[in-house]
Amino acid sequence: MTTAANPGGPHRVWRLGADIDTDQLAPGTYMKLSLPEIATHCLEGLRPEFAGQVQPGDVIVAGANFGIGSSREQAAGALVQLGLRAVIAPSYSGLYFRNAFNLGLLLLTCPEAEKIQEGESITLDLPGQAVVRASGERLAVDPIPGFLLDMVEAGGLLPQLKRRMQQQKATA
């Protein structure tokens, strides 16, 4: 993961509304391209500047129902490709939620996400289950099971499985 050295932050916020669907994240028009090419079109219909200006470690803060639509994993993969540290929203599509963690993208469920503003600098307190705003205000996030946090730290499900296999070989 691109931000492993500084997982807590600070992180710059990109603010989006509710109901961000997978076609906005990975437009269907580009599905025959490679993931790096698809990522250059991420959110182009909503925020044309996004893919060109997002920096590794930035976060998206969105409204409810993030990732609705098709089950294309490229929608989460594009954000990973661009170096996003996390997405913070009140709720997610179930398929998107699992695809994101499988690809190493951290999703934080935060009922008060609407308080976080565009361009704000935040930190992530994962042990404390909170997003911390620059003012010091702490916004609670739903607990994330340890196996999902491990998956994000490993860079996704496949890297996590490879790591486990290497550890098993080393102890055999």
C-alpha atoms as a PDB file:
ATOM      1  CA  MET A   1       0.000   0.000   0.000  1.00  0.00           C
ATOM      2  CA  THR A   2       1.356   3.396  -0.946  1.00  0.00           C
ATOM      3  CA  THR A   3       0.745   4.961   2.454  1.00  0.00           C
ATOM      4  CA  ALA A   4       1.913   2.144   4.718  1.00  0.00           C
ATOM      5  CA  ALA A   5       4.639   4.357   6.199  1.00  0.00           C
ATOM      6  CA  ASN A   6       2.047   6.906   7.353  1.00  0.00           C
ATOM      7  CA  PRO A   7      -1.254   5.050   7.664  1.00  0.00           C
ATOM      8  CA  GLY A   8      -2.827   7.512  10.106  1.00  0.00           C
ATOM      9  CA  GLY A   9      -2.335  10.651   8.063  1.00  0.00           C
ATOM     10  CA  PRO A  10      -2.743  13.448   7.593  1.00  0.00           C
ATOM     11  CA  HIS A  11      -4.870  12.815   4.533  1.00  0.00           C
ATOM     12  CA  ARG A  12      -6.463  15.336   2.149  1.00  0.00           C
ATOM     13  CA  VAL A  13     -10.208  14.944   1.606  1.00  0.00           C
ATOM     14  CA  TRP A  14     -12.019  14.724  -1.726  1.00  0.00           C
ATOM     15  CA  ARG A  15     -15.728  15.242  -0.993  1.00  0.00           C
ATOM     16  CA  LEU A  16     -18.407  13.452  -3.028  1.00  0.00           C
ATOM     17  CA  GLY A  17     -22.153  13.128  -2.635  1.00  0.00           C
ATOM     18  CA  ALA A  18     -24.370  10.114  -2.124  1.00  0.00           C
ATOM     19  CA  ASP A  19     -25.026   7.229  -4.510  1.00  0.00           C
ATOM     20  CA  ILE A  20     -21.623   7.179  -6.218  1.00  0.00           C
ATOM     21  CA  ASP A  21     -21.929   4.206  -8.529  1.00  0.00           C
ATOM     22  CA  THR A  22     -19.324   1.899  -9.990  1.00  0.00           C
ATOM     23  CA  ASP A  23     -19.783   3.397 -13.457  1.00  0.00           C
ATOM     24  CA  GLN A  24     -18.608   6.758 -12.112  1.00  0.00           C
ATOM     25  CA  LEU A  25     -15.556   5.126 -10.525  1.00  0.00           C
ATOM     26  CA  ALA A  26     -14.674   2.892 -13.503  1.00  0.00           C
ATOM     27  CA  PRO A  27     -16.692   4.009 -16.544  1.00  0.00           C
ATOM     28  CA  GLY A  28     -17.998   1.108 -18.606  1.00  0.00           C
ATOM     29  CA  THR A  29     -16.715   2.731 -21.794  1.00  0.00           C
ATOM     30  CA  TYR A  30     -13.159   1.950 -20.676  1.00  0.00           C
ATOM     31  CA  MET A  31     -13.557  -1.617 -19.377  1.00  0.00           C
ATOM     32  CA  LYS A  32     -11.467  -3.078 -22.219  1.00  0.00           C
ATOM     33  CA  LEU A  33      -8.454  -1.023 -21.095  1.00  0.00           C
ATOM     34  CA  SER A  34      -5.895  -1.925 -18.441  1.00  0.00           C
ATOM     35  CA  LEU A  35      -6.548  -0.908 -14.830  1.00  0.00           C
ATOM     36  CA  PRO A  36      -3.975   1.943 -14.935  1.00  0.00           C
ATOM     37  CA  GLU A  37      -5.774   3.325 -17.995  1.00  0.00           C
ATOM     38  CA  ILE A  38      -9.214   2.898 -16.420  1.00  0.00           C
ATOM     39  CA  ALA A  39      -7.974   4.765 -13.336  1.00  0.00           C
ATOM     40  CA  THR A  40      -7.186   7.843 -15.448  1.00  0.00           C
ATOM     41  CA  HIS A  41     -10.947   8.092 -16.106  1.00  0.00           C
ATOM     42  CA  CYS A  42     -12.049   7.592 -12.482  1.00  0.00           C
ATOM     43  CA  LEU A  43     -14.855  10.017 -11.591  1.00  0.00           C
ATOM     44  CA  GLU A  44     -14.347  11.970 -14.839  1.00  0.00           C
ATOM     45  CA  GLY A  45     -18.090  12.576 -15.281  1.00  0.00           C
ATOM     46  CA  LEU A  46     -18.429  13.993 -11.765  1.00  0.00           C
ATOM     47  CA  ARG A  47     -14.989  15.432 -10.949  1.00  0.00           C
ATOM     48  CA  PRO A  48     -12.975  15.682 -14.204  1.00  0.00           C
ATOM     49  CA  GLU A  49      -9.877  16.858 -12.320  1.00  0.00           C
ATOM     50  CA  PHE A  50      -9.887  13.975  -9.830  1.00  0.00           C
ATOM     51  CA  ALA A  51      -7.665  11.357 -11.501  1.00  0.00           C
ATOM     52  CA  GLY A  52      -5.081  13.940 -12.510  1.00  0.00           C
ATOM     53  CA  GLN A  53      -4.892  15.714  -9.158  1.00  0.00           C
ATOM     54  CA  VAL A  54      -5.437  13.029  -6.516  1.00  0.00           C
ATOM     55  CA  GLN A  55      -2.307  12.220  -4.524  1.00  0.00           C
ATOM     56  CA  PRO A  56      -1.271   8.975  -2.821  1.00  0.00           C
ATOM     57  CA  GLY A  57      -2.693   9.002   0.692  1.00  0.00           C
ATOM     58  CA  ASP A  58      -5.725  11.160  -0.140  1.00  0.00           C
ATOM     59  CA  VAL A  59      -9.159   9.993   0.980  1.00  0.00           C
ATOM     60  CA  ILE A  60     -12.648  10.188  -0.466  1.00  0.00           C
ATOM     61  CA  VAL A  61     -15.472  11.184   1.847  1.00  0.00           C
ATOM     62  CA  ALA A  62     -18.867  10.454   0.340  1.00  0.00           C
ATOM     63  CA  GLY A  63     -22.538  10.213   1.150  1.00  0.00           C
ATOM     64  CA  ALA A  64     -24.553   7.048   1.591  1.00  0.00           C
ATOM     65  CA  ASN A  65     -24.558   4.112  -0.836  1.00  0.00           C
ATOM     66  CA  PHE A  66     -20.995   4.418  -2.093  1.00  0.00           C
ATOM     67  CA  GLY A  67     -20.193   1.841  -4.782  1.00  0.00           C
ATOM     68  CA  ILE A  68     -23.729   0.991  -5.851  1.00  0.00           C
ATOM     69  CA  GLY A  69     -24.263  -0.462  -9.303  1.00  0.00           C
ATOM     70  CA  SER A  70     -22.457  -3.293 -11.011  1.00  0.00           C
ATOM     71  CA  SER A  71     -20.072  -5.637  -9.256  1.00  0.00           C
ATOM     72  CA  ARG A  72     -17.033  -4.619 -11.343  1.00  0.00           C
ATOM     73  CA  GLU A  73     -13.974  -4.798  -9.134  1.00  0.00           C
ATOM     74  CA  GLN A  74     -12.223  -2.193 -11.299  1.00  0.00           C
ATOM     75  CA  ALA A  75     -14.301   0.428  -9.431  1.00  0.00           C
ATOM     76  CA  ALA A  76     -12.298  -0.293  -6.273  1.00  0.00           C
ATOM     77  CA  GLY A  77      -9.140  -1.131  -8.233  1.00  0.00           C
ATOM     78  CA  ALA A  78      -9.084   2.317  -9.840  1.00  0.00           C
ATOM     79  CA  LEU A  79      -8.964   3.970  -6.413  1.00  0.00           C
ATOM     80  CA  VAL A  80      -6.187   1.630  -5.289  1.00  0.00           C
ATOM     81  CA  GLN A  81      -4.295   2.362  -8.529  1.00  0.00           C
ATOM     82  CA  LEU A  82      -4.562   6.104  -7.802  1.00  0.00           C
ATOM     83  CA  GLY A  83      -3.153   5.610  -4.284  1.00  0.00           C
ATOM     84  CA  LEU A  84      -6.252   6.440  -2.238  1.00  0.00           C
ATOM     85  CA  ARG A  85      -5.769   5.604   1.443  1.00  0.00           C
ATOM     86  CA  ALA A  86      -9.450   5.156   2.260  1.00  0.00           C
ATOM     87  CA  VAL A  87     -13.068   5.888   1.472  1.00  0.00           C
ATOM     88  CA  ILE A  88     -15.206   7.220   4.309  1.00  0.00           C
ATOM     89  CA  ALA A  89     -18.989   7.068   3.940  1.00  0.00           C
ATOM     90  CA  PRO A  90     -22.107   6.254   5.989  1.00  0.00           C
ATOM     91  CA  SER A  91     -22.832   3.128   3.906  1.00  0.00           C
ATOM     92  CA  TYR A  92     -21.590   1.050   0.983  1.00  0.00           C
ATOM     93  CA  SER A  93     -22.897  -1.448  -1.525  1.00  0.00           C
ATOM     94  CA  GLY A  94     -22.193  -4.923  -0.142  1.00  0.00           C
ATOM     95  CA  LEU A  95     -20.402  -6.084  -3.294  1.00  0.00           C
ATOM     96  CA  TYR A  96     -18.281  -2.940  -3.439  1.00  0.00           C
ATOM     97  CA  PHE A  97     -17.396  -3.331   0.241  1.00  0.00           C
ATOM     98  CA  ARG A  98     -15.979  -6.812  -0.274  1.00  0.00           C
ATOM     99  CA  ASN A  99     -14.265  -5.963  -3.578  1.00  0.00           C
ATOM    100  CA  ALA A 100     -12.546  -2.982  -1.946  1.00  0.00           C
ATOM    101  CA  PHE A 101     -11.081  -4.979   0.939  1.00  0.00           C
ATOM    102  CA  ASN A 102     -10.098  -7.817  -1.418  1.00  0.00           C
ATOM    103  CA  LEU A 103      -8.040  -5.266  -3.380  1.00  0.00           C
ATOM    104  CA  GLY A 104      -6.564  -3.606  -0.278  1.00  0.00           C
ATOM    105  CA  LEU A 105      -8.751  -0.480  -0.143  1.00  0.00           C
ATOM    106  CA  LEU A 106      -9.777   0.617   3.342  1.00  0.00           C
ATOM    107  CA  LEU A 107     -13.466   1.514   3.734  1.00  0.00           C
ATOM    108  CA  LEU A 108     -14.543   3.283   6.900  1.00  0.00           C
ATOM    109  CA  THR A 109     -18.241   3.407   7.756  1.00  0.00           C
ATOM    110  CA  CYS A 110     -18.831   6.756   9.433  1.00  0.00           C
ATOM    111  CA  PRO A 111     -22.407   7.875  10.181  1.00  0.00           C
ATOM    112  CA  GLU A 112     -21.212  11.495  10.550  1.00  0.00           C
ATOM    113  CA  ALA A 113     -19.152  11.611   7.348  1.00  0.00           C
ATOM    114  CA  GLU A 114     -21.159  14.621   6.125  1.00  0.00           C
ATOM    115  CA  LYS A 115     -19.311  16.799   8.668  1.00  0.00           C
ATOM    116  CA  ILE A 116     -16.006  16.353   6.820  1.00  0.00           C
ATOM    117  CA  GLN A 117     -15.332  19.037   4.218  1.00  0.00           C
ATOM    118  CA  GLU A 118     -13.617  19.150   0.815  1.00  0.00           C
ATOM    119  CA  GLY A 119      -9.865  19.741   1.147  1.00  0.00           C
ATOM    120  CA  GLU A 120      -9.871  19.172   4.906  1.00  0.00           C
ATOM    121  CA  SER A 121      -6.872  17.407   6.427  1.00  0.00           C
ATOM    122  CA  ILE A 122      -7.850  14.415   8.566  1.00  0.00           C
ATOM    123  CA  THR A 123      -6.129  11.567  10.349  1.00  0.00           C
ATOM    124  CA  LEU A 124      -7.346   8.008  10.773  1.00  0.00           C
ATOM    125  CA  ASP A 125      -7.216   6.506  14.237  1.00  0.00           C
ATOM    126  CA  LEU A 126      -7.922   2.875  13.406  1.00  0.00           C
ATOM    127  CA  PRO A 127      -7.224   1.489  16.906  1.00  0.00           C
ATOM    128  CA  GLY A 128      -9.508   4.189  18.331  1.00  0.00           C
ATOM    129  CA  GLN A 129     -12.115   3.615  15.601  1.00  0.00           C
ATOM    130  CA  ALA A 130     -12.316   7.274  14.622  1.00  0.00           C
ATOM    131  CA  VAL A 131     -11.656   9.844  11.947  1.00  0.00           C
ATOM    132  CA  VAL A 132      -9.986  12.868  13.528  1.00  0.00           C
ATOM    133  CA  ARG A 133     -10.675  16.254  11.984  1.00  0.00           C
ATOM    134  CA  ALA A 134      -8.122  19.084  12.044  1.00  0.00           C
ATOM    135  CA  SER A 135     -10.188  20.726  14.822  1.00  0.00           C
ATOM    136  CA  GLY A 136      -9.610  17.627  16.961  1.00  0.00           C
ATOM    137  CA  GLU A 137     -13.220  16.486  16.631  1.00  0.00           C
ATOM    138  CA  ARG A 138     -13.410  12.689  16.575  1.00  0.00           C
ATOM    139  CA  LEU A 139     -16.000  11.019  14.366  1.00  0.00           C
ATOM    140  CA  ALA A 140     -16.706   7.406  15.253  1.00  0.00           C
ATOM    141  CA  VAL A 141     -16.348   4.704  12.615  1.00  0.00           C
ATOM    142  CA  ASP A 142     -17.786   1.212  12.737  1.00  0.00           C
ATOM    143  CA  PRO A 143     -15.338  -1.429  13.971  1.00  0.00           C
ATOM    144  CA  ILE A 144     -13.454  -3.278  11.236  1.00  0.00           C
ATOM    145  CA  PRO A 145     -12.670  -6.943  11.845  1.00  0.00           C
ATOM    146  CA  GLY A 146      -8.978  -7.666  12.251  1.00  0.00           C
ATOM    147  CA  PHE A 147      -8.851  -9.989   9.251  1.00  0.00           C
ATOM    148  CA  LEU A 148     -10.043  -7.145   6.991  1.00  0.00           C
ATOM    149  CA  LEU A 149      -7.478  -4.719   8.428  1.00  0.00           C
ATOM    150  CA  ASP A 150      -4.808  -7.384   7.848  1.00  0.00           C
ATOM    151  CA  MET A 151      -6.017  -7.703   4.266  1.00  0.00           C
ATOM    152  CA  VAL A 152      -5.677  -3.949   3.691  1.00  0.00           C
ATOM    153  CA  GLU A 153      -2.217  -3.912   5.287  1.00  0.00           C
ATOM    154  CA  ALA A 154      -1.127  -6.751   3.005  1.00  0.00           C
ATOM    155  CA  GLY A 155      -2.384  -4.924  -0.082  1.00  0.00           C
ATOM    156  CA  GLY A 156      -5.407  -7.164  -0.641  1.00  0.00           C
ATOM    157  CA  LEU A 157      -6.522 -10.770  -0.462  1.00  0.00           C
ATOM    158  CA  LEU A 158      -4.014 -12.274  -2.906  1.00  0.00           C
ATOM    159  CA  PRO A 159      -0.956 -10.631  -1.324  1.00  0.00           C
ATOM    160  CA  GLN A 160      -2.286 -11.675   2.077  1.00  0.00           C
ATOM    161  CA  LEU A 161      -2.604 -15.306   0.961  1.00  0.00           C
ATOM    162  CA  LYS A 162       0.887 -15.238  -0.580  1.00  0.00           C
ATOM    163  CA  ARG A 163       2.293 -13.898   2.686  1.00  0.00           C
ATOM    164  CA  ARG A 164       0.600 -16.673   4.656  1.00  0.00           C
ATOM    165  CA  MET A 165       1.938 -19.332   2.292  1.00  0.00           C
ATOM    166  CA  GLN A 166       5.473 -17.951   2.635  1.00  0.00           C
ATOM    167  CA  GLN A 167       5.153 -17.948   6.421  1.00  0.00           C
ATOM    168  CA  GLN A 168       3.942 -21.545   6.390  1.00  0.00           C
ATOM    169  CA  LYS A 169       6.883 -22.613   4.195  1.00  0.00           C
ATOM    170  CA  ALA A 170       9.313 -20.838   6.514  1.00  0.00           C
ATOM    171  CA  THR A 171       8.003 -22.685   9.571  1.00  0.00           C
ATOM    172  CA  ALA A 172       7.764 -26.100   7.866  1.00  0.00           C
END
